[in-house]
């Protein structure tokens, strides 16, 4: 357990705070001000946030200096899998839990739940898959 809770986890969370400000700002502005859909708004969050996350986590959190398209591919697969799993689970669960509420309340709550699920899944995916040491 101590190997899972180490400085990389705290660095990941710090990067996540910055990433969250950038990505969530994008997501909630698109959904609430631009009138974009749940899926487009949440996807934009992870496209914009994913780019920021890749560079900050690669060099700051995991101190990984590998330069390969294979690593970029692993990162993209991880982000896509975590996104689809987290948001695919969050929406139906939240809609069920908030049945009777306005759709925008349900979907805003689902996006928040999806963010939490995504963060947990993404940490393990980046640490043990995307930026794992090839040594």
C-alpha atoms as a PDB file:
ATOM      1  CA  UNK A   1       0.000   0.000   0.000  1.00  0.00           C
ATOM      2  CA  UNK A   2       2.877   2.388   0.773  1.00  0.00           C
ATOM      3  CA  UNK A   3       4.134   1.935  -2.776  1.00  0.00           C
ATOM      4  CA  UNK A   4       0.816   3.274  -4.082  1.00  0.00           C
ATOM      5  CA  UNK A   5       0.764   6.257  -1.732  1.00  0.00           C
ATOM      6  CA  UNK A   6       4.051   7.981  -2.438  1.00  0.00           C
ATOM      7  CA  UNK A   7       5.281  11.338  -3.788  1.00  0.00           C
ATOM      8  CA  UNK A   8       4.064  10.531  -7.306  1.00  0.00           C
ATOM      9  CA  UNK A   9       0.481  10.344  -6.060  1.00  0.00           C
ATOM     10  CA  UNK A  10       0.740  13.787  -4.460  1.00  0.00           C
ATOM     11  CA  UNK A  11       2.381  15.263  -7.565  1.00  0.00           C
ATOM     12  CA  UNK A  12      -0.347  13.668  -9.695  1.00  0.00           C
ATOM     13  CA  UNK A  13      -3.007  15.289  -7.500  1.00  0.00           C
ATOM     14  CA  UNK A  14      -1.265  18.678  -7.724  1.00  0.00           C
ATOM     15  CA  UNK A  15      -1.126  18.442 -11.512  1.00  0.00           C
ATOM     16  CA  UNK A  16      -4.749  17.319 -11.356  1.00  0.00           C
ATOM     17  CA  UNK A  17      -5.793  20.511  -9.569  1.00  0.00           C
ATOM     18  CA  UNK A  18      -4.306  22.603 -12.361  1.00  0.00           C
ATOM     19  CA  UNK A  19      -5.694  20.263 -14.994  1.00  0.00           C
ATOM     20  CA  UNK A  20      -9.110  20.388 -13.363  1.00  0.00           C
ATOM     21  CA  UNK A  21      -9.216  24.166 -13.493  1.00  0.00           C
ATOM     22  CA  UNK A  22      -8.366  24.151 -17.194  1.00  0.00           C
ATOM     23  CA  UNK A  23     -10.461  21.131 -18.214  1.00  0.00           C
ATOM     24  CA  UNK A  24     -13.499  21.793 -16.042  1.00  0.00           C
ATOM     25  CA  UNK A  25     -13.558  25.399 -17.057  1.00  0.00           C
ATOM     26  CA  UNK A  26     -13.710  24.220 -20.656  1.00  0.00           C
ATOM     27  CA  UNK A  27     -16.353  21.559 -19.936  1.00  0.00           C
ATOM     28  CA  UNK A  28     -18.763  23.630 -17.862  1.00  0.00           C
ATOM     29  CA  UNK A  29     -18.460  26.696 -20.093  1.00  0.00           C
ATOM     30  CA  UNK A  30     -19.228  24.625 -23.181  1.00  0.00           C
ATOM     31  CA  UNK A  31     -22.164  22.863 -21.514  1.00  0.00           C
ATOM     32  CA  UNK A  32     -23.722  25.779 -19.641  1.00  0.00           C
ATOM     33  CA  UNK A  33     -22.846  28.796 -21.797  1.00  0.00           C
ATOM     34  CA  UNK A  34     -22.305  27.431 -25.296  1.00  0.00           C
ATOM     35  CA  UNK A  35     -25.143  24.892 -25.093  1.00  0.00           C
ATOM     36  CA  UNK A  36     -22.982  21.954 -26.146  1.00  0.00           C
ATOM     37  CA  UNK A  37     -24.033  18.393 -25.281  1.00  0.00           C
ATOM     38  CA  UNK A  38     -22.943  16.333 -22.272  1.00  0.00           C
ATOM     39  CA  UNK A  39     -20.664  14.170 -24.414  1.00  0.00           C
ATOM     40  CA  UNK A  40     -19.077  17.017 -26.404  1.00  0.00           C
ATOM     41  CA  UNK A  41     -18.506  19.126 -23.280  1.00  0.00           C
ATOM     42  CA  UNK A  42     -16.990  16.299 -21.245  1.00  0.00           C
ATOM     43  CA  UNK A  43     -14.881  15.117 -24.204  1.00  0.00           C
ATOM     44  CA  UNK A  44     -13.483  18.647 -24.700  1.00  0.00           C
ATOM     45  CA  UNK A  45     -12.477  18.594 -21.042  1.00  0.00           C
ATOM     46  CA  UNK A  46     -10.326  15.523 -21.605  1.00  0.00           C
ATOM     47  CA  UNK A  47      -8.877  16.614 -24.907  1.00  0.00           C
ATOM     48  CA  UNK A  48      -7.690  19.951 -23.501  1.00  0.00           C
ATOM     49  CA  UNK A  49      -6.843  18.497 -20.088  1.00  0.00           C
ATOM     50  CA  UNK A  50      -5.180  15.462 -21.662  1.00  0.00           C
ATOM     51  CA  UNK A  51      -2.640  17.580 -23.479  1.00  0.00           C
ATOM     52  CA  UNK A  52      -1.776  19.508 -20.306  1.00  0.00           C
ATOM     53  CA  UNK A  53      -1.745  16.276 -18.281  1.00  0.00           C
ATOM     54  CA  UNK A  54       0.546  14.437 -20.685  1.00  0.00           C
ATOM     55  CA  UNK A  55       3.364  16.934 -20.417  1.00  0.00           C
ATOM     56  CA  UNK A  56       3.045  17.777 -16.720  1.00  0.00           C
ATOM     57  CA  UNK A  57       2.685  14.162 -15.561  1.00  0.00           C
ATOM     58  CA  UNK A  58       5.328  12.838 -17.945  1.00  0.00           C
ATOM     59  CA  UNK A  59       8.054  15.243 -16.854  1.00  0.00           C
ATOM     60  CA  UNK A  60       6.991  16.478 -13.390  1.00  0.00           C
ATOM     61  CA  UNK A  61       5.055  13.626 -11.773  1.00  0.00           C
ATOM     62  CA  UNK A  62       6.618  10.474 -13.197  1.00  0.00           C
ATOM     63  CA  UNK A  63       9.933  11.980 -14.377  1.00  0.00           C
ATOM     64  CA  UNK A  64       9.725   9.971 -17.555  1.00  0.00           C
ATOM     65  CA  UNK A  65      12.006  11.054 -20.398  1.00  0.00           C
ATOM     66  CA  UNK A  66      11.181   8.330 -22.897  1.00  0.00           C
ATOM     67  CA  UNK A  67      10.476   9.785 -26.324  1.00  0.00           C
ATOM     68  CA  UNK A  68       8.328   7.469 -28.352  1.00  0.00           C
ATOM     69  CA  UNK A  69       5.040   7.343 -30.182  1.00  0.00           C
ATOM     70  CA  UNK A  70       4.355   4.122 -28.292  1.00  0.00           C
ATOM     71  CA  UNK A  71       4.174   6.117 -25.062  1.00  0.00           C
ATOM     72  CA  UNK A  72       1.899   8.744 -26.622  1.00  0.00           C
ATOM     73  CA  UNK A  73      -0.315   5.894 -27.853  1.00  0.00           C
ATOM     74  CA  UNK A  74      -0.405   4.267 -24.383  1.00  0.00           C
ATOM     75  CA  UNK A  75      -1.325   7.624 -22.837  1.00  0.00           C
ATOM     76  CA  UNK A  76      -4.107   8.203 -25.380  1.00  0.00           C
ATOM     77  CA  UNK A  77      -5.485   4.679 -24.886  1.00  0.00           C
ATOM     78  CA  UNK A  78      -5.431   5.179 -21.117  1.00  0.00           C
ATOM     79  CA  UNK A  79      -7.233   8.536 -21.299  1.00  0.00           C
ATOM     80  CA  UNK A  80      -9.848   7.182 -23.714  1.00  0.00           C
ATOM     81  CA  UNK A  81     -10.491   4.042 -21.661  1.00  0.00           C
ATOM     82  CA  UNK A  82     -10.725   5.972 -18.381  1.00  0.00           C
ATOM     83  CA  UNK A  83     -13.006   8.574 -19.963  1.00  0.00           C
ATOM     84  CA  UNK A  84     -15.400   6.056 -21.498  1.00  0.00           C
ATOM     85  CA  UNK A  85     -15.526   3.927 -18.359  1.00  0.00           C
ATOM     86  CA  UNK A  86     -15.876   6.816 -15.888  1.00  0.00           C
ATOM     87  CA  UNK A  87     -18.422   8.848 -17.810  1.00  0.00           C
ATOM     88  CA  UNK A  88     -20.217   5.782 -19.136  1.00  0.00           C
ATOM     89  CA  UNK A  89     -20.799   4.661 -15.533  1.00  0.00           C
ATOM     90  CA  UNK A  90     -21.384   8.127 -14.061  1.00  0.00           C
ATOM     91  CA  UNK A  91     -24.247   9.197 -16.286  1.00  0.00           C
ATOM     92  CA  UNK A  92     -26.668   6.288 -15.796  1.00  0.00           C
ATOM     93  CA  UNK A  93     -25.855   5.997 -12.076  1.00  0.00           C
ATOM     94  CA  UNK A  94     -26.335   9.711 -11.464  1.00  0.00           C
ATOM     95  CA  UNK A  95     -29.476   9.932 -13.591  1.00  0.00           C
ATOM     96  CA  UNK A  96     -30.944   7.076 -11.585  1.00  0.00           C
ATOM     97  CA  UNK A  97     -29.918   8.641  -8.256  1.00  0.00           C
ATOM     98  CA  UNK A  98     -31.284  12.064  -9.234  1.00  0.00           C
ATOM     99  CA  UNK A  99     -34.448  10.897 -11.003  1.00  0.00           C
ATOM    100  CA  UNK A 100     -37.004  13.679 -11.004  1.00  0.00           C
ATOM    101  CA  UNK A 101     -34.418  16.470 -11.060  1.00  0.00           C
ATOM    102  CA  UNK A 102     -33.944  18.776 -14.046  1.00  0.00           C
ATOM    103  CA  UNK A 103     -31.800  17.323 -16.833  1.00  0.00           C
ATOM    104  CA  UNK A 104     -29.123  20.008 -16.452  1.00  0.00           C
ATOM    105  CA  UNK A 105     -28.853  19.218 -12.710  1.00  0.00           C
ATOM    106  CA  UNK A 106     -28.553  15.498 -13.459  1.00  0.00           C
ATOM    107  CA  UNK A 107     -25.950  15.980 -16.176  1.00  0.00           C
ATOM    108  CA  UNK A 108     -23.863  18.512 -14.222  1.00  0.00           C
ATOM    109  CA  UNK A 109     -23.830  16.064 -11.291  1.00  0.00           C
ATOM    110  CA  UNK A 110     -22.946  13.206 -13.659  1.00  0.00           C
ATOM    111  CA  UNK A 111     -20.008  15.216 -14.976  1.00  0.00           C
ATOM    112  CA  UNK A 112     -18.753  15.759 -11.413  1.00  0.00           C
ATOM    113  CA  UNK A 113     -19.104  12.052 -10.584  1.00  0.00           C
ATOM    114  CA  UNK A 114     -17.394  11.182 -13.868  1.00  0.00           C
ATOM    115  CA  UNK A 115     -14.483  13.465 -12.987  1.00  0.00           C
ATOM    116  CA  UNK A 116     -13.931  11.681  -9.680  1.00  0.00           C
ATOM    117  CA  UNK A 117     -14.047   8.222 -11.244  1.00  0.00           C
ATOM    118  CA  UNK A 118     -11.799   9.355 -14.080  1.00  0.00           C
ATOM    119  CA  UNK A 119      -9.175  10.759 -11.691  1.00  0.00           C
ATOM    120  CA  UNK A 120      -8.808   7.503  -9.772  1.00  0.00           C
ATOM    121  CA  UNK A 121      -8.713   5.329 -12.890  1.00  0.00           C
ATOM    122  CA  UNK A 122      -6.354   7.700 -14.692  1.00  0.00           C
ATOM    123  CA  UNK A 123      -3.767   7.774 -11.893  1.00  0.00           C
ATOM    124  CA  UNK A 124      -3.338   4.018 -11.982  1.00  0.00           C
ATOM    125  CA  UNK A 125      -3.429   3.946 -15.773  1.00  0.00           C
ATOM    126  CA  UNK A 126      -0.736   6.585 -16.113  1.00  0.00           C
ATOM    127  CA  UNK A 127       1.447   5.184 -13.365  1.00  0.00           C
ATOM    128  CA  UNK A 128       1.323   1.521 -14.351  1.00  0.00           C
ATOM    129  CA  UNK A 129       0.593   1.702 -18.082  1.00  0.00           C
ATOM    130  CA  UNK A 130       1.257   4.991 -19.866  1.00  0.00           C
ATOM    131  CA  UNK A 131       4.424   6.086 -18.039  1.00  0.00           C
ATOM    132  CA  UNK A 132       5.648   2.792 -16.660  1.00  0.00           C
ATOM    133  CA  UNK A 133       9.360   2.351 -16.839  1.00  0.00           C
ATOM    134  CA  UNK A 134      10.509   0.105 -19.681  1.00  0.00           C
ATOM    135  CA  UNK A 135      13.549  -0.965 -17.636  1.00  0.00           C
END
